[in-house]
Structures are given as C-alpha cells and as structure tokens.
C-alpha cells in the first residue's frame, strides 16, 4: 500500500504525518532538516490519522506522556537501535548522545548516535528532542531549536532533568 499523509496544526507549527498500511513512518515540520521529498508522502487522507491526531492533541495539552501508536520508521539497523533507545527516555527527562552511545556499548559512537538522532523520521512521538549535549545544552533538532526548547519546557516546565534510565 502506498503512503498517505495528513497535516495537523500544533502549538509549534504544522506537522505532516505520514503512514503506510496504518503505521506512522514520518512526522515532519515545515523546513524539516533531512525531510524526504514530499511526493513520497502520498495523497492527503486526513481520516486515517484519528488516533495520532488525538494523542498529539493530548500531548500538547499536557494530558499524555507516552504515545501508543503503530510505528514503522525506515532506517538502517543502527538507526533503528538508536530510535528504539529514544523511546525509552522518560517524559520530562533528557539524556546525552554519549549516554545513548554507552547504552549501545561504545562511547565512541556518540557522533553516530547524533547522526541517527538527526535522521529520526517521527518527530515528537519518537522523542529525539529529549537528547541534549553532554553539558546539557540544547543542540541539534531537525525541527529547529525553538521547537526543541518548547517541547522540553512542555514536558518539564520547572527544570530539565537528566534521564536515569541507563
């Protein structure tokens, strides 16, 4: 089955959701870095994205801390491992690229982790915005640092805490 897409409004701008066979394969902001050609998104079909729209609306309202949607991001084996780790970072917490590299068994993989993180095709739902620099600085977000800051403040309005999952 070919891809289909829907465009939703969020507090941080339009978000294009892309799905194939009912599983999300993408969530992109306008001018998203490393976004595929929009022709690959297929025709617009808003009806098929009811759960994703509802869950994103609940997230932005502060009522949802985890997503329960079928996902099927396309990437190589390493990217899929990194994207799986991203989904383990708890709501309201952050971790560094180095922490993710350590979890993968090699601290020298931090740059490769950063590259995979930057290619995450499912923004917000696969929370690449929760990854920060080793010193806690906000670095690298395909949707822009202003959006990353907004998402982190939405999740943890008082302070950003380091994840204790690894």
N, C-alpha and C. Protein backbone atom coordinates (compact mmCIF):
# COMPACT_ATOMS: atom_id res chain seq x y z
N UNK A 1 0.84 -1.18 0.00
CA UNK A 1 0.00 0.00 0.00
C UNK A 1 0.89 1.25 0.00
N UNK A 2 0.54 2.24 -0.76
CA UNK A 2 1.36 3.46 -0.81
C UNK A 2 1.16 4.32 0.43
N UNK A 3 2.05 5.26 0.60
CA UNK A 3 1.98 6.19 1.72
C UNK A 3 0.81 7.15 1.55
N UNK A 4 0.30 7.61 2.69
CA UNK A 4 -0.70 8.67 2.74
C UNK A 4 -0.25 9.63 3.83
N UNK A 5 -0.79 10.85 3.79
CA UNK A 5 -0.37 11.82 4.80
C UNK A 5 -1.53 12.70 5.24
N UNK A 6 -1.30 13.38 6.35
CA UNK A 6 -2.24 14.35 6.88
C UNK A 6 -1.41 15.48 7.47
N UNK A 7 -1.97 16.67 7.49
CA UNK A 7 -1.28 17.82 8.07
C UNK A 7 -2.12 18.31 9.25
N UNK A 8 -1.47 18.46 10.41
CA UNK A 8 -2.18 18.94 11.58
C UNK A 8 -1.52 20.21 12.11
N UNK A 9 -2.31 21.03 12.76
CA UNK A 9 -1.78 22.22 13.42
C UNK A 9 -1.39 21.85 14.84
N UNK A 10 -0.23 22.34 15.27
CA UNK A 10 0.23 22.15 16.64
C UNK A 10 0.65 23.51 17.18
N UNK A 11 0.88 23.61 18.47
CA UNK A 11 1.36 24.88 19.02
C UNK A 11 2.72 25.33 18.48
N UNK A 12 3.44 24.41 17.83
CA UNK A 12 4.76 24.77 17.27
C UNK A 12 4.78 24.67 15.75
N UNK A 13 3.62 24.77 15.15
CA UNK A 13 3.52 24.80 13.69
C UNK A 13 2.92 23.53 13.13
N UNK A 14 2.74 23.56 11.82
CA UNK A 14 2.17 22.40 11.14
C UNK A 14 3.09 21.19 11.28
N UNK A 15 2.46 20.03 11.38
CA UNK A 15 3.17 18.76 11.45
C UNK A 15 2.53 17.84 10.41
N UNK A 16 3.34 17.33 9.49
CA UNK A 16 2.85 16.41 8.48
C UNK A 16 3.09 14.99 8.96
N UNK A 17 2.01 14.24 9.10
CA UNK A 17 2.07 12.83 9.49
C UNK A 17 2.01 11.98 8.24
N UNK A 18 2.87 10.97 8.17
CA UNK A 18 2.91 10.07 7.02
C UNK A 18 2.74 8.64 7.53
N UNK A 19 1.94 7.86 6.82
CA UNK A 19 1.71 6.47 7.22
C UNK A 19 1.69 5.56 6.00
N UNK A 20 2.05 4.31 6.25
CA UNK A 20 1.93 3.25 5.27
C UNK A 20 1.27 2.07 5.98
N UNK A 21 0.21 1.57 5.40
CA UNK A 21 -0.52 0.44 5.99
C UNK A 21 -0.91 0.68 7.44
N UNK A 22 -1.28 1.89 7.79
CA UNK A 22 -1.75 2.19 9.13
C UNK A 22 -0.68 2.44 10.17
N UNK A 23 0.58 2.35 9.80
CA UNK A 23 1.68 2.62 10.73
C UNK A 23 2.37 3.93 10.35
N UNK A 24 2.65 4.75 11.35
CA UNK A 24 3.35 6.01 11.09
C UNK A 24 4.76 5.75 10.62
N UNK A 25 5.15 6.41 9.57
CA UNK A 25 6.52 6.33 9.06
C UNK A 25 7.21 7.69 9.12
N UNK A 26 6.43 8.75 9.39
CA UNK A 26 7.03 10.07 9.45
C UNK A 26 6.14 11.08 10.15
N UNK A 27 6.81 12.07 10.76
CA UNK A 27 6.14 13.24 11.35
C UNK A 27 7.12 14.39 11.16
N UNK A 28 6.80 15.31 10.25
CA UNK A 28 7.75 16.33 9.81
C UNK A 28 7.18 17.74 9.96
N UNK A 29 8.05 18.65 10.38
CA UNK A 29 7.73 20.07 10.40
C UNK A 29 8.08 20.69 9.06
N UNK A 30 7.51 21.86 8.72
CA UNK A 30 7.96 22.55 7.51
C UNK A 30 9.47 22.86 7.64
N UNK A 31 10.18 22.78 6.56
CA UNK A 31 11.62 23.04 6.52
C UNK A 31 12.40 22.09 7.43
N UNK A 32 11.85 20.92 7.66
CA UNK A 32 12.49 19.88 8.48
C UNK A 32 13.81 19.48 7.81
N UNK A 33 14.88 19.45 8.58
CA UNK A 33 16.16 19.02 8.03
C UNK A 33 16.07 17.54 7.67
N UNK A 34 16.62 17.16 6.54
CA UNK A 34 16.66 15.79 6.05
C UNK A 34 15.27 15.19 5.82
N UNK A 35 14.32 16.02 5.46
CA UNK A 35 12.98 15.55 5.15
C UNK A 35 12.99 14.94 3.74
N UNK A 36 12.34 13.80 3.56
CA UNK A 36 12.28 13.23 2.21
C UNK A 36 11.45 14.11 1.28
N UNK A 37 11.54 13.83 0.02
CA UNK A 37 10.74 14.53 -0.97
C UNK A 37 9.27 14.36 -0.61
N UNK A 38 8.53 15.45 -0.57
CA UNK A 38 7.13 15.39 -0.16
C UNK A 38 6.27 14.54 -1.09
N UNK A 39 6.73 14.28 -2.29
CA UNK A 39 5.97 13.39 -3.18
C UNK A 39 5.89 11.97 -2.61
N UNK A 40 6.87 11.61 -1.76
CA UNK A 40 6.87 10.29 -1.14
C UNK A 40 5.80 10.18 -0.05
N UNK A 41 5.19 11.30 0.34
CA UNK A 41 4.17 11.29 1.38
C UNK A 41 2.84 10.74 0.88
N UNK A 42 2.68 10.63 -0.42
CA UNK A 42 1.44 10.13 -0.98
C UNK A 42 0.31 11.14 -0.87
N UNK A 43 -0.91 10.73 -1.21
CA UNK A 43 -2.04 11.65 -1.18
C UNK A 43 -2.44 12.01 0.26
N UNK A 44 -3.09 13.15 0.38
CA UNK A 44 -3.58 13.58 1.69
C UNK A 44 -4.87 12.82 2.02
N UNK A 45 -4.88 12.19 3.18
CA UNK A 45 -6.04 11.45 3.66
C UNK A 45 -6.17 11.68 5.15
N UNK A 46 -6.89 12.68 5.54
CA UNK A 46 -6.99 13.05 6.95
C UNK A 46 -7.72 12.01 7.80
N UNK A 47 -8.63 11.24 7.24
CA UNK A 47 -9.45 10.32 8.02
C UNK A 47 -8.65 9.21 8.69
N UNK A 48 -7.54 8.80 8.13
CA UNK A 48 -6.79 7.67 8.66
C UNK A 48 -5.87 7.99 9.82
N UNK A 49 -5.88 9.19 10.33
CA UNK A 49 -4.92 9.59 11.36
C UNK A 49 -5.61 9.99 12.67
N UNK A 50 -6.77 9.45 12.93
CA UNK A 50 -7.56 9.86 14.09
C UNK A 50 -6.80 9.64 15.40
N UNK A 51 -6.22 8.46 15.61
CA UNK A 51 -5.51 8.17 16.86
C UNK A 51 -4.28 9.06 17.02
N UNK A 52 -3.52 9.23 15.95
CA UNK A 52 -2.32 10.07 16.03
C UNK A 52 -2.70 11.51 16.36
N UNK A 53 -3.72 12.03 15.72
CA UNK A 53 -4.15 13.41 15.99
C UNK A 53 -4.62 13.56 17.43
N UNK A 54 -5.39 12.58 17.91
CA UNK A 54 -5.90 12.65 19.28
C UNK A 54 -4.74 12.60 20.28
N UNK A 55 -3.81 11.67 20.07
CA UNK A 55 -2.71 11.52 21.02
C UNK A 55 -1.79 12.74 21.00
N UNK A 56 -1.54 13.30 19.83
CA UNK A 56 -0.72 14.52 19.77
C UNK A 56 -1.43 15.69 20.45
N UNK A 57 -2.74 15.80 20.25
CA UNK A 57 -3.51 16.85 20.92
C UNK A 57 -3.44 16.69 22.44
N UNK A 58 -3.56 15.46 22.92
CA UNK A 58 -3.45 15.20 24.36
C UNK A 58 -2.04 15.53 24.87
N UNK A 59 -1.03 15.19 24.09
CA UNK A 59 0.36 15.51 24.47
C UNK A 59 0.54 17.02 24.63
N UNK A 60 0.12 17.78 23.64
CA UNK A 60 0.29 19.23 23.70
C UNK A 60 -0.57 19.87 24.79
N UNK A 61 -1.64 19.20 25.20
CA UNK A 61 -2.48 19.70 26.30
C UNK A 61 -1.91 19.29 27.66
N UNK A 62 -0.81 18.55 27.68
CA UNK A 62 -0.21 18.10 28.92
C UNK A 62 -0.93 16.91 29.54
N UNK A 63 -1.75 16.22 28.76
CA UNK A 63 -2.54 15.10 29.26
C UNK A 63 -1.96 13.73 28.90
N UNK A 64 -0.94 13.70 28.07
CA UNK A 64 -0.35 12.43 27.61
C UNK A 64 1.16 12.51 27.74
N UNK A 65 1.75 11.45 28.32
CA UNK A 65 3.20 11.39 28.47
C UNK A 65 3.84 10.29 27.62
N UNK A 66 3.03 9.40 27.08
CA UNK A 66 3.52 8.32 26.22
C UNK A 66 2.58 8.16 25.03
N UNK A 67 3.14 7.76 23.92
CA UNK A 67 2.33 7.51 22.72
C UNK A 67 2.14 6.02 22.55
N UNK A 68 0.98 5.65 22.05
CA UNK A 68 0.64 4.27 21.79
C UNK A 68 0.12 4.18 20.35
N UNK A 69 1.04 4.26 19.42
CA UNK A 69 0.69 4.26 18.01
C UNK A 69 1.55 3.24 17.28
N UNK A 70 1.04 2.61 16.23
CA UNK A 70 1.89 1.73 15.43
C UNK A 70 2.90 2.56 14.63
N UNK A 71 4.17 2.23 14.80
CA UNK A 71 5.25 2.97 14.14
C UNK A 71 6.03 2.03 13.23
N UNK A 72 6.51 2.59 12.12
CA UNK A 72 7.34 1.83 11.21
C UNK A 72 8.34 2.77 10.53
N UNK A 73 9.28 3.31 11.35
CA UNK A 73 10.28 4.21 10.75
C UNK A 73 11.22 3.43 9.84
N UNK A 74 11.65 4.07 8.78
CA UNK A 74 12.56 3.43 7.83
C UNK A 74 13.97 3.93 8.09
N UNK A 75 14.89 3.01 8.34
CA UNK A 75 16.28 3.36 8.56
C UNK A 75 17.12 2.10 8.56
N UNK A 76 18.44 2.28 8.72
CA UNK A 76 19.31 1.11 8.78
C UNK A 76 19.27 0.53 10.20
N UNK A 77 19.95 -0.59 10.40
CA UNK A 77 19.89 -1.30 11.68
C UNK A 77 20.36 -0.42 12.84
N UNK A 78 21.43 0.34 12.64
CA UNK A 78 21.94 1.21 13.70
C UNK A 78 20.92 2.30 14.04
N UNK A 79 20.37 2.94 13.04
CA UNK A 79 19.37 3.99 13.27
C UNK A 79 18.18 3.43 14.04
N UNK A 80 17.71 2.25 13.67
CA UNK A 80 16.57 1.64 14.36
C UNK A 80 16.89 1.39 15.84
N UNK A 81 18.13 0.98 16.14
CA UNK A 81 18.54 0.79 17.55
C UNK A 81 18.49 2.11 18.30
N UNK A 82 19.02 3.15 17.68
CA UNK A 82 19.01 4.47 18.33
C UNK A 82 17.58 4.94 18.54
N UNK A 83 16.74 4.82 17.53
CA UNK A 83 15.36 5.28 17.64
C UNK A 83 14.60 4.49 18.70
N UNK A 84 14.95 3.21 18.86
CA UNK A 84 14.35 2.41 19.93
C UNK A 84 14.77 2.97 21.29
N UNK A 85 16.04 3.31 21.45
CA UNK A 85 16.51 3.89 22.70
C UNK A 85 15.82 5.22 23.00
N UNK A 86 15.60 6.02 21.98
CA UNK A 86 14.93 7.30 22.18
C UNK A 86 13.56 7.11 22.84
N UNK A 87 12.88 6.05 22.46
CA UNK A 87 11.55 5.81 23.01
C UNK A 87 11.58 5.38 24.47
N UNK A 88 12.77 5.07 24.98
CA UNK A 88 12.91 4.70 26.39
C UNK A 88 13.24 5.89 27.29
N UNK A 89 13.51 7.04 26.69
CA UNK A 89 13.80 8.23 27.51
C UNK A 89 12.47 8.71 28.09
N UNK A 90 12.35 8.71 29.40
CA UNK A 90 11.06 9.08 30.00
C UNK A 90 10.66 10.53 29.72
N UNK A 91 9.38 10.73 29.65
CA UNK A 91 8.79 12.06 29.53
C UNK A 91 9.37 12.96 30.62
N UNK A 92 9.75 14.17 30.25
CA UNK A 92 10.27 15.12 31.22
C UNK A 92 11.72 14.94 31.56
N UNK A 93 12.42 14.02 30.90
CA UNK A 93 13.83 13.81 31.17
C UNK A 93 14.62 13.89 29.87
N UNK A 94 15.91 14.07 30.02
CA UNK A 94 16.79 14.13 28.85
C UNK A 94 17.96 13.19 29.06
N UNK A 95 18.68 12.93 27.99
CA UNK A 95 19.95 12.22 28.08
C UNK A 95 20.86 12.77 26.98
N UNK A 96 22.12 12.44 27.06
CA UNK A 96 23.08 12.94 26.09
C UNK A 96 23.35 11.89 25.02
N UNK A 97 23.95 12.35 23.95
CA UNK A 97 24.36 11.44 22.87
C UNK A 97 25.34 10.41 23.43
N UNK A 98 26.23 10.84 24.33
CA UNK A 98 27.19 9.93 24.95
C UNK A 98 26.53 8.85 25.79
N UNK A 99 25.46 9.22 26.50
CA UNK A 99 24.73 8.21 27.28
C UNK A 99 24.12 7.16 26.36
N UNK A 100 23.56 7.60 25.26
CA UNK A 100 22.99 6.65 24.30
C UNK A 100 24.09 5.77 23.71
N UNK A 101 25.25 6.36 23.40
CA UNK A 101 26.37 5.58 22.86
C UNK A 101 26.82 4.53 23.87
N UNK A 102 26.90 4.92 25.15
CA UNK A 102 27.28 3.95 26.19
C UNK A 102 26.27 2.80 26.25
N UNK A 103 25.00 3.13 26.13
CA UNK A 103 23.96 2.10 26.16
C UNK A 103 24.13 1.14 24.98
N UNK A 104 24.66 1.64 23.87
CA UNK A 104 24.92 0.79 22.71
C UNK A 104 26.25 0.04 22.82
N UNK A 105 27.01 0.33 23.89
CA UNK A 105 28.23 -0.43 24.15
C UNK A 105 29.52 0.22 23.71
N UNK A 106 29.49 1.45 23.22
CA UNK A 106 30.73 2.08 22.74
C UNK A 106 30.60 3.60 22.83
N UNK A 107 31.31 4.21 23.75
CA UNK A 107 31.23 5.67 23.93
C UNK A 107 31.71 6.42 22.70
N UNK A 108 32.46 5.77 21.82
CA UNK A 108 32.94 6.42 20.61
C UNK A 108 31.84 6.57 19.55
N UNK A 109 30.67 6.02 19.84
CA UNK A 109 29.56 6.11 18.89
C UNK A 109 28.72 7.38 19.05
N UNK A 110 29.13 8.28 19.93
CA UNK A 110 28.30 9.47 20.21
C UNK A 110 27.96 10.26 18.94
N UNK A 111 28.92 10.46 18.06
CA UNK A 111 28.65 11.21 16.84
C UNK A 111 27.69 10.43 15.93
N UNK A 112 27.88 9.13 15.82
CA UNK A 112 26.98 8.30 15.01
C UNK A 112 25.57 8.33 15.61
N UNK A 113 25.48 8.33 16.94
CA UNK A 113 24.19 8.44 17.60
C UNK A 113 23.54 9.78 17.24
N UNK A 114 24.34 10.84 17.25
CA UNK A 114 23.83 12.16 16.87
C UNK A 114 23.31 12.18 15.45
N UNK A 115 24.03 11.54 14.55
CA UNK A 115 23.58 11.47 13.15
C UNK A 115 22.27 10.69 13.03
N UNK A 116 22.17 9.56 13.73
CA UNK A 116 20.94 8.77 13.69
C UNK A 116 19.79 9.55 14.32
N UNK A 117 20.07 10.22 15.42
CA UNK A 117 19.05 11.03 16.09
C UNK A 117 18.52 12.11 15.14
N UNK A 118 19.42 12.73 14.41
CA UNK A 118 19.05 13.78 13.47
C UNK A 118 18.25 13.27 12.28
N UNK A 119 18.29 11.98 12.05
CA UNK A 119 17.54 11.39 10.93
C UNK A 119 16.25 10.71 11.40
N UNK A 120 15.93 10.86 12.66
CA UNK A 120 14.67 10.29 13.17
C UNK A 120 13.51 10.85 12.34
N UNK A 121 12.76 9.97 11.68
CA UNK A 121 11.69 10.47 10.83
C UNK A 121 10.37 10.75 11.55
N UNK A 122 10.28 10.38 12.83
CA UNK A 122 8.99 10.51 13.52
C UNK A 122 9.15 11.46 14.71
N UNK A 123 9.20 12.75 14.42
CA UNK A 123 9.37 13.77 15.46
C UNK A 123 8.30 13.67 16.53
N UNK A 124 8.67 14.08 17.71
CA UNK A 124 7.83 14.16 18.90
C UNK A 124 7.48 12.76 19.42
N UNK A 125 6.87 11.93 18.59
CA UNK A 125 6.42 10.61 19.00
C UNK A 125 7.61 9.70 19.32
N UNK A 126 8.65 9.75 18.52
CA UNK A 126 9.95 9.16 18.85
C UNK A 126 10.76 10.36 19.32
N UNK A 127 10.91 10.52 20.64
CA UNK A 127 11.31 11.80 21.24
C UNK A 127 12.79 12.16 21.12
N UNK A 128 13.24 12.43 19.90
CA UNK A 128 14.63 12.85 19.68
C UNK A 128 14.90 14.21 20.32
N UNK A 129 13.84 14.96 20.64
CA UNK A 129 14.02 16.26 21.29
C UNK A 129 14.56 16.12 22.71
N UNK A 130 14.51 14.92 23.29
CA UNK A 130 14.98 14.69 24.65
C UNK A 130 16.48 14.43 24.73
N UNK A 131 17.18 14.50 23.60
CA UNK A 131 18.62 14.28 23.59
C UNK A 131 19.31 15.64 23.54
N UNK A 132 20.23 15.84 24.49
CA UNK A 132 20.94 17.11 24.62
C UNK A 132 22.44 16.86 24.58
N UNK A 133 23.21 17.92 24.52
CA UNK A 133 24.66 17.82 24.56
C UNK A 133 25.13 17.32 25.91
N UNK A 134 26.39 16.89 25.98
CA UNK A 134 26.95 16.34 27.22
C UNK A 134 26.87 17.33 28.37
N UNK A 135 26.91 18.62 28.04
CA UNK A 135 26.86 19.66 29.09
C UNK A 135 25.42 20.15 29.34
N UNK A 136 24.44 19.48 28.74
CA UNK A 136 23.04 19.85 28.93
C UNK A 136 22.52 20.89 27.95
N UNK A 137 23.40 21.40 27.08
CA UNK A 137 22.95 22.39 26.09
C UNK A 137 22.00 21.77 25.08
N UNK A 138 21.10 22.61 24.59
CA UNK A 138 20.21 22.18 23.52
C UNK A 138 20.97 22.27 22.21
N UNK A 139 21.17 21.15 21.59
CA UNK A 139 21.87 21.09 20.31
C UNK A 139 21.07 20.21 19.36
N UNK A 140 21.18 20.51 18.10
CA UNK A 140 20.64 19.68 17.04
C UNK A 140 19.20 19.23 17.18
N UNK A 141 18.34 19.81 16.41
CA UNK A 141 16.96 19.31 16.29
C UNK A 141 16.49 19.63 14.89
N UNK A 142 16.06 18.60 14.16
CA UNK A 142 15.68 18.78 12.76
C UNK A 142 14.54 19.76 12.58
N UNK A 143 13.72 19.94 13.60
CA UNK A 143 12.62 20.89 13.53
C UNK A 143 12.99 22.28 14.01
N UNK A 144 14.23 22.46 14.45
CA UNK A 144 14.70 23.75 14.95
C UNK A 144 14.78 23.79 16.47
N UNK A 145 15.77 24.49 16.98
CA UNK A 145 15.98 24.54 18.43
C UNK A 145 14.83 25.21 19.18
N UNK A 146 14.12 26.13 18.54
CA UNK A 146 12.98 26.77 19.22
C UNK A 146 11.91 25.72 19.53
N UNK A 147 11.67 24.83 18.60
CA UNK A 147 10.69 23.76 18.83
C UNK A 147 11.19 22.79 19.89
N UNK A 148 12.46 22.46 19.85
CA UNK A 148 13.03 21.56 20.86
C UNK A 148 12.85 22.17 22.25
N UNK A 149 13.18 23.42 22.40
CA UNK A 149 13.01 24.11 23.68
C UNK A 149 11.55 24.07 24.13
N UNK A 150 10.64 24.36 23.22
CA UNK A 150 9.22 24.33 23.54
C UNK A 150 8.81 22.95 24.05
N UNK A 151 9.21 21.89 23.35
CA UNK A 151 8.83 20.53 23.74
C UNK A 151 9.39 20.16 25.11
N UNK A 152 10.64 20.52 25.36
CA UNK A 152 11.23 20.21 26.66
C UNK A 152 10.56 21.01 27.78
N UNK A 153 10.24 22.25 27.52
CA UNK A 153 9.54 23.05 28.53
C UNK A 153 8.12 22.53 28.75
N UNK A 154 7.48 22.06 27.70
CA UNK A 154 6.15 21.46 27.84
C UNK A 154 6.21 20.25 28.77
N UNK A 155 7.24 19.44 28.59
CA UNK A 155 7.37 18.21 29.36
C UNK A 155 7.87 18.44 30.77
N UNK A 156 8.68 19.43 30.97
CA UNK A 156 9.27 19.67 32.29
C UNK A 156 9.40 21.17 32.50
N UNK A 157 8.32 21.85 32.85
CA UNK A 157 8.35 23.30 32.90
C UNK A 157 9.28 23.90 33.96
N UNK A 158 9.59 23.17 35.01
CA UNK A 158 10.43 23.74 36.07
C UNK A 158 11.91 23.66 35.71
N UNK A 159 12.39 22.47 35.39
CA UNK A 159 13.78 22.28 35.00
C UNK A 159 13.91 21.02 34.18
N UNK A 160 14.96 20.94 33.39
CA UNK A 160 15.22 19.76 32.59
C UNK A 160 16.07 18.83 33.43
N UNK A 161 15.60 17.61 33.64
CA UNK A 161 16.32 16.63 34.46
C UNK A 161 16.97 15.60 33.55
N UNK A 162 18.13 15.13 33.95
CA UNK A 162 18.81 14.09 33.19
C UNK A 162 18.12 12.75 33.44
N UNK A 163 17.98 11.98 32.39
CA UNK A 163 17.34 10.67 32.50
C UNK A 163 18.19 9.74 33.34
N UNK A 164 17.54 8.88 34.09
CA UNK A 164 18.23 7.91 34.92
C UNK A 164 17.94 6.49 34.43
N UNK A 165 17.71 6.34 33.14
CA UNK A 165 17.35 5.03 32.63
C UNK A 165 18.55 4.18 32.25
N UNK A 166 19.71 4.77 32.08
CA UNK A 166 20.86 3.99 31.64
C UNK A 166 21.83 3.79 32.78
